Amino acid sequence: MEQIQISASEKDEFMKKFKYYKSNKPKPSLDQVVKVEKGCSNLVTELCPDKKVEEPRTQLLGLRSSNEWQLYKFQMHPGLIFIKNPFTDVGQRFWIRKCLEEYPRKPNKLNIDIGSNCQDWWAECHGNTDNNKLLLKKLRWTTLGYHHNWDTKVYSEDNKTPFPNDLAELSDVFARCLGYKNFRAEAAIVNYYHMNSTLSAHTDHSEINLDAPLFSFSFGQSAIFLIGGKEKSVEPSALLINSGDVIVMSNETRLCYHAVPKILPSPASPWEGTDYEISNLDVSDLKYIVHPEEILSSMKQNTSNQEWDKFRHYIKESRININVRQVLNEKQTSL
């Protein structure tokens, strides 16, 4: 019997889906995009941990009480966890501002470093010259902690800067609530998307420790997120991610192909709320943050609409994603 040869392109179910959702002419139908909410699909079920962890650090970090979080798991993607916007409105402002004003500063690495002497991207973007304003949409990524080498895909002790204490604390809160008590945030990539941006299909396999989960925090405009299998021949699922949503890739999904083919206008602007109230704040469990009063001051500062205006202008046309991972094995202290 004659064997039928299947071309590589015909096997690439992931790329077919990517091209479909990326298309503008014609625009893709969103009917098959999973919108994660109660009763949304027989493919998605609400995840109720055996014992919910009472997490006292949530208020300080701009999060709702951990007992209020809505967690979901996926029948087709074991290990993928979706947490539906656990952030307060002012908490979203806090983290958006961190990603724009603080994380792109030196010594962190930026995609615009080559041929540039930009020490403080956000400050230079808001300088007095038109040339500086062009910088605003040139930033695509910044890396924190162990810096991802985009050419070799290898981490190095020679290519490392201090990991932000606030982001390490935030990641630890989610890790602890999901039972990952030994997780350490050691590397992060902050991606900056505009309305025509995409992120091609890839796997995150550079870390020595591939058993630790990857935490992904999204803010601003919405996105279609594709998640498939360990081969591109597996047809991916399409999920809608809105501002404040958190995705955790663990177990089997840790090495699955994923991508972002399209950015969509956000159906709401949760970062526009300014309600801010702190009661019975407990900072006894802090692991990384040394001066919690600085976090409180910054959080309160972001309730001012005038103070927030520059960041509002950016986020209404952009999406920010922070993905945090552990690089080393549990007992390792260096590479």
Protein backbone atom coordinates (compact mmCIF):
# COMPACT_ATOMS: atom_id res chain seq x y z
CA MET A 1 0.00 0.00 0.00
CA GLU A 2 1.32 3.42 -0.92
CA GLN A 3 2.11 5.57 2.10
CA ILE A 4 0.76 9.11 2.09
CA GLN A 5 3.41 11.63 3.07
CA ILE A 6 2.17 14.41 5.34
CA SER A 7 4.12 17.64 5.06
CA ALA A 8 5.43 19.43 8.14
CA SER A 9 3.07 22.33 7.47
CA GLU A 10 0.06 20.01 7.44
CA LYS A 11 1.12 18.58 10.80
CA ASP A 12 1.49 21.99 12.38
CA GLU A 13 -1.94 22.39 13.92
CA PHE A 14 -0.59 25.03 16.26
CA MET A 15 0.49 27.33 13.42
CA LYS A 16 -2.85 26.91 11.68
CA LYS A 17 -4.65 28.20 14.77
CA PHE A 18 -2.08 30.95 15.26
CA LYS A 19 -2.54 32.24 11.72
CA TYR A 20 -6.31 32.04 12.03
CA TYR A 21 -6.50 34.21 15.16
CA LYS A 22 -3.75 36.55 13.96
CA SER A 23 -5.62 37.37 10.76
CA ASN A 24 -7.23 40.78 10.27
CA LYS A 25 -8.68 40.09 6.83
CA PRO A 26 -10.91 38.30 7.46
CA LYS A 27 -11.19 38.82 11.21
CA PRO A 28 -11.39 35.54 13.15
CA SER A 29 -14.52 34.39 14.90
CA LEU A 30 -14.13 34.33 18.68
CA ASP A 31 -16.85 31.73 19.21
CA GLN A 32 -14.34 29.00 20.07
CA VAL A 33 -12.28 31.17 22.43
CA VAL A 34 -12.79 29.98 26.01
CA LYS A 35 -13.88 32.74 28.38
CA VAL A 36 -13.08 31.39 31.82
CA GLU A 37 -15.95 31.91 34.25
CA LYS A 38 -18.34 29.81 36.28
CA GLY A 39 -20.19 27.35 34.07
CA CYS A 40 -18.36 28.57 30.98
CA SER A 41 -17.57 25.19 29.42
CA ASN A 42 -17.46 21.48 30.09
CA LEU A 43 -13.74 21.78 29.32
CA VAL A 44 -13.14 24.08 32.29
CA THR A 45 -13.99 23.33 35.90
CA GLU A 46 -13.64 25.39 39.04
CA LEU A 47 -10.75 24.25 41.18
CA CYS A 48 -11.46 24.03 44.88
CA PRO A 49 -8.26 23.32 46.84
CA ASP A 50 -8.64 20.75 49.60
CA LYS A 51 -7.70 23.44 52.08
CA LYS A 52 -7.63 27.11 51.18
CA VAL A 53 -4.60 28.91 52.52
CA GLU A 54 -5.34 32.08 54.45
CA GLU A 55 -2.69 34.44 53.07
CA PRO A 56 -2.11 37.59 55.19
CA ARG A 57 0.14 39.32 52.61
CA THR A 58 -2.57 39.87 49.98
CA GLN A 59 -3.67 43.34 51.13
CA LEU A 60 -0.15 44.74 51.00
CA LEU A 61 0.37 43.46 47.46
CA GLY A 62 -2.85 44.77 45.92
CA LEU A 63 -4.67 41.43 45.98
CA ARG A 64 -8.11 40.42 47.15
CA SER A 65 -8.30 37.95 50.02
CA SER A 66 -7.06 34.56 48.84
CA ASN A 67 -10.33 33.03 50.04
CA GLU A 68 -12.13 35.03 47.31
CA TRP A 69 -9.96 33.86 44.41
CA GLN A 70 -11.64 31.93 41.58
CA LEU A 71 -9.38 29.13 40.36
CA TYR A 72 -10.02 26.95 37.31
CA LYS A 73 -8.44 23.88 35.75
CA PHE A 74 -8.67 22.49 32.22
CA GLN A 75 -9.68 19.01 31.17
CA MET A 76 -7.49 19.13 28.04
CA HIS A 77 -4.47 20.72 29.74
CA PRO A 78 -3.57 19.07 33.07
CA GLY A 79 -1.41 21.40 35.14
CA LEU A 80 -2.79 24.61 33.64
CA ILE A 81 -4.43 26.79 36.30
CA PHE A 82 -6.34 29.99 35.60
CA ILE A 83 -6.99 32.53 38.38
CA LYS A 84 -9.61 35.08 37.41
CA ASN A 85 -8.37 38.58 38.32
CA PRO A 86 -7.42 38.30 42.01
CA PHE A 87 -6.12 41.90 41.98
CA THR A 88 -7.84 44.97 43.41
CA ASP A 89 -8.24 47.93 41.06
CA VAL A 90 -5.53 49.95 42.80
CA GLY A 91 -3.42 46.80 42.92
CA GLN A 92 -3.56 46.68 39.11
CA ARG A 93 -2.39 50.29 39.00
CA PHE A 94 0.49 49.46 41.32
CA TRP A 95 1.82 46.58 39.18
CA ILE A 96 1.26 48.35 35.86
CA ARG A 97 3.25 51.28 37.16
CA LYS A 98 6.03 49.01 38.42
CA CYS A 99 6.35 47.49 34.95
CA LEU A 100 6.55 50.89 33.27
CA GLU A 101 8.37 53.12 35.70
CA GLU A 102 10.70 50.82 37.63
CA TYR A 103 11.43 47.45 36.03
CA PRO A 104 12.80 48.89 32.73
CA ARG A 105 15.50 50.83 34.60
CA LYS A 106 19.13 49.76 34.58
CA PRO A 107 20.69 47.38 35.52
CA ASN A 108 17.80 45.33 34.08
CA LYS A 109 18.08 44.29 30.41
CA LEU A 110 15.83 45.73 27.65
CA ASN A 111 15.37 44.89 23.99
CA ILE A 112 16.38 48.47 23.12
CA ASP A 113 19.80 48.20 24.79
CA ILE A 114 21.70 47.62 21.54
CA GLY A 115 22.74 50.99 20.16
CA SER A 116 21.12 52.81 23.05
CA ASN A 117 22.33 54.34 26.29
CA CYS A 118 18.88 54.43 27.85
CA GLN A 119 19.20 54.22 31.63
CA ASP A 120 15.60 55.04 32.57
CA TRP A 121 13.22 54.23 29.72
CA TRP A 122 10.05 55.68 31.26
CA ALA A 123 11.72 58.95 32.26
CA GLU A 124 13.24 59.37 28.81
CA CYS A 125 9.91 58.61 27.14
CA HIS A 126 8.41 61.57 28.96
CA GLY A 127 11.22 63.98 28.20
CA ASN A 128 10.71 67.12 26.16
CA THR A 129 11.79 65.92 22.74
CA ASP A 130 9.76 64.12 20.08
CA ASN A 131 12.61 61.64 19.62
CA ASN A 132 12.29 60.45 23.20
CA LYS A 133 8.55 59.94 22.76
CA LEU A 134 9.29 57.48 19.95
CA LEU A 135 10.84 55.22 22.61
CA LEU A 136 7.43 54.57 24.13
CA LYS A 137 6.45 51.86 21.64
CA LYS A 138 9.93 50.49 21.06
CA LEU A 139 10.12 48.61 24.34
CA ARG A 140 9.13 44.97 23.81
CA TRP A 141 10.65 43.25 26.83
CA THR A 142 12.73 43.68 29.93
CA THR A 143 14.33 40.86 31.93
CA LEU A 144 14.83 40.64 35.68
CA GLY A 145 17.02 38.45 37.89
CA TYR A 146 18.70 35.81 35.74
CA HIS A 147 18.55 37.41 32.30
CA HIS A 148 17.27 35.20 29.52
CA ASN A 149 19.80 34.98 26.70
CA TRP A 150 17.68 35.12 23.54
CA ASP A 151 20.47 33.67 21.36
CA THR A 152 21.78 30.77 23.43
CA LYS A 153 18.61 30.20 25.56
CA VAL A 154 20.98 29.62 28.49
CA TYR A 155 21.14 31.40 31.85
CA SER A 156 24.46 32.46 33.36
CA GLU A 157 25.75 33.70 36.71
CA ASP A 158 27.55 36.41 34.73
CA ASN A 159 24.26 37.66 33.34
CA LYS A 160 22.24 38.28 36.49
CA THR A 161 20.97 41.25 38.52
CA PRO A 162 18.97 41.39 41.79
CA PHE A 163 15.39 40.16 41.46
CA PRO A 164 12.78 42.73 42.63
CA ASN A 165 11.68 42.00 46.20
CA ASP A 166 8.08 43.06 45.57
CA LEU A 167 7.66 40.72 42.59
CA ALA A 168 9.34 37.89 44.51
CA GLU A 169 6.84 38.44 47.34
CA LEU A 170 3.88 38.46 44.94
CA SER A 171 5.05 35.22 43.30
CA ASP A 172 5.57 33.60 46.69
CA VAL A 173 1.98 34.40 47.70
CA PHE A 174 0.60 32.59 44.65
CA ALA A 175 3.06 29.71 45.02
CA ARG A 176 2.13 29.19 48.67
CA CYS A 177 -1.61 29.33 47.95
CA LEU A 178 -1.19 26.62 45.30
CA GLY A 179 0.98 24.39 47.49
CA TYR A 180 4.42 25.24 46.02
CA LYS A 181 6.05 26.08 49.33
CA ASN A 182 9.63 25.90 48.04
CA PHE A 183 9.19 28.05 44.93
CA ARG A 184 11.74 30.85 44.45
CA ALA A 185 11.26 33.64 41.92
CA GLU A 186 14.65 33.94 40.21
CA ALA A 187 13.96 35.16 36.68
CA ALA A 188 11.24 37.12 34.93
CA ILE A 189 10.46 38.48 31.48
CA VAL A 190 8.13 41.46 31.26
CA ASN A 191 6.55 41.60 27.79
CA TYR A 192 5.03 44.80 26.40
CA TYR A 193 2.36 44.37 23.72
CA HIS A 194 0.61 46.92 21.54
CA MET A 195 -2.60 46.32 19.62
CA ASN A 196 -0.76 44.80 16.63
CA SER A 197 1.71 42.72 18.68
CA THR A 198 1.99 38.93 18.70
CA LEU A 199 4.12 36.32 20.47
CA SER A 200 5.01 33.29 18.36
CA ALA A 201 4.75 29.66 19.43
CA HIS A 202 7.42 28.57 21.90
CA THR A 203 8.13 26.50 24.99
CA ASP A 204 9.87 27.71 28.16
CA HIS A 205 12.64 25.16 28.63
CA SER A 206 15.74 27.19 29.54
CA GLU A 207 15.49 26.70 33.31
CA ILE A 208 17.36 23.88 35.06
CA ASN A 209 14.30 23.35 37.24
CA LEU A 210 11.41 22.38 34.98
CA ASP A 211 9.36 20.96 37.85
CA ALA A 212 8.68 24.40 39.32
CA PRO A 213 5.61 26.24 37.98
CA LEU A 214 5.67 29.33 35.78
CA PHE A 215 3.49 32.26 36.93
CA SER A 216 2.09 34.65 34.33
CA PHE A 217 0.42 37.97 35.31
CA SER A 218 -1.42 40.07 32.71
CA PHE A 219 -2.54 43.70 32.82
CA GLY A 220 -4.15 46.11 30.37
CA GLN A 221 -5.71 45.09 27.09
CA SER A 222 -6.96 41.55 26.54
CA ALA A 223 -5.28 38.74 24.60
CA ILE A 224 -6.01 35.44 22.94
CA PHE A 225 -3.68 32.87 24.49
CA LEU A 226 -3.04 29.59 22.68
CA ILE A 227 -1.94 26.56 24.69
CA GLY A 228 -1.23 23.25 22.98
CA GLY A 229 0.90 20.19 23.67
CA LYS A 230 4.58 19.24 23.60
CA GLU A 231 4.42 18.94 19.80
CA LYS A 232 3.06 21.48 17.33
CA SER A 233 0.91 18.74 15.81
CA VAL A 234 -1.41 19.07 18.84
CA GLU A 235 -4.26 21.47 18.14
CA PRO A 236 -4.15 24.25 20.76
CA SER A 237 -6.98 25.68 22.84
CA ALA A 238 -7.69 29.40 22.66
CA LEU A 239 -8.28 31.25 25.96
CA LEU A 240 -9.28 34.85 26.55
CA ILE A 241 -7.04 36.61 29.09
CA ASN A 242 -8.23 39.87 30.62
CA SER A 243 -6.50 42.42 32.82
CA GLY A 244 -5.53 41.00 36.20
CA ASP A 245 -5.86 37.34 35.16
CA VAL A 246 -3.14 34.93 36.27
CA ILE A 247 -2.08 31.75 34.47
CA VAL A 248 0.01 29.07 36.17
CA MET A 249 1.77 26.52 33.98
CA SER A 250 2.78 23.48 35.98
CA ASN A 251 3.29 19.73 35.56
CA GLU A 252 2.54 18.67 31.97
CA THR A 253 1.84 22.16 30.64
CA ARG A 254 5.24 23.45 31.77
CA LEU A 255 6.77 22.34 28.45
CA CYS A 256 3.79 22.84 26.17
CA TYR A 257 3.75 25.18 23.18
CA HIS A 258 1.97 28.46 23.80
CA ALA A 259 1.59 31.78 21.99
CA VAL A 260 -0.33 35.06 21.75
CA PRO A 261 -1.69 35.62 18.21
CA LYS A 262 -3.84 38.65 18.92
CA ILE A 263 -4.39 41.55 21.32
CA LEU A 264 -8.01 42.62 21.78
CA PRO A 265 -9.62 45.71 23.32
CA SER A 266 -10.35 45.08 26.99
CA PRO A 267 -14.09 44.75 27.75
CA ALA A 268 -13.53 46.73 30.97
CA SER A 269 -10.93 48.98 32.58
CA PRO A 270 -10.53 47.59 36.11
CA TRP A 271 -7.43 49.72 36.63
CA GLU A 272 -9.67 52.82 36.67
CA GLY A 273 -11.06 52.11 40.14
CA THR A 274 -9.51 54.01 43.05
CA ASP A 275 -11.04 52.34 46.10
CA TYR A 276 -8.28 51.70 48.59
CA GLU A 277 -8.65 50.45 52.12
CA ILE A 278 -6.23 48.60 54.36
CA SER A 279 -7.46 46.94 57.53
CA ASN A 280 -5.76 44.55 59.94
CA LEU A 281 -2.61 44.48 57.85
CA ASP A 282 -0.29 41.64 58.89
CA VAL A 283 3.27 41.87 57.58
CA SER A 284 4.75 39.22 59.87
CA ASP A 285 4.93 36.67 57.02
CA LEU A 286 6.89 38.86 54.59
CA LYS A 287 9.82 36.96 53.07
CA TYR A 288 11.37 39.47 50.68
CA ILE A 289 9.96 42.96 51.22
CA VAL A 290 12.04 44.84 53.81
CA HIS A 291 10.12 48.12 53.93
CA PRO A 292 6.36 47.46 53.65
CA GLU A 293 5.66 51.13 54.36
CA GLU A 294 7.11 51.97 50.93
CA ILE A 295 4.62 49.61 49.26
CA LEU A 296 1.75 51.16 51.20
CA SER A 297 2.84 54.67 50.26
CA SER A 298 3.12 53.74 46.58
CA MET A 299 -0.25 51.97 46.60
CA LYS A 300 -1.92 55.02 48.13
CA GLN A 301 -0.14 57.33 45.69
CA ASN A 302 -1.76 55.45 42.82
CA THR A 303 -5.26 56.40 43.99
CA SER A 304 -4.59 59.87 42.55
CA ASN A 305 -5.99 60.09 39.01
CA GLN A 306 -3.65 62.94 38.22
CA GLU A 307 -0.66 60.89 39.34
CA TRP A 308 -1.93 57.93 37.32
CA ASP A 309 -2.67 59.81 34.08
CA LYS A 310 0.58 59.02 32.21
CA PHE A 311 0.20 55.32 32.93
CA ARG A 312 -3.48 55.36 31.91
CA HIS A 313 -2.53 56.73 28.51
CA TYR A 314 -0.13 53.84 27.95
CA ILE A 315 -2.23 50.96 29.22
CA LYS A 316 -5.38 51.87 27.29
CA GLU A 317 -3.50 50.90 24.13
CA SER A 318 -1.21 48.17 25.46
CA ARG A 319 -0.95 44.91 27.34
CA ILE A 320 1.74 44.00 29.88
CA ASN A 321 2.59 40.44 30.84
CA ILE A 322 5.00 39.40 33.61
CA ASN A 323 6.10 35.78 33.59
CA VAL A 324 8.09 34.57 36.58
CA ARG A 325 10.03 31.35 36.89
CA GLN A 326 12.47 29.49 39.13
CA VAL A 327 15.81 28.77 37.48
CA LEU A 328 17.68 26.60 39.99
CA ASN A 329 16.84 23.31 41.60
CA GLU A 330 15.68 23.41 45.23
CA LYS A 331 19.07 22.97 46.91
CA GLN A 332 21.13 24.88 44.33
CA THR A 333 22.48 28.31 45.14
CA SER A 334 24.07 29.08 41.77
CA LEU A 335 24.43 27.68 38.26
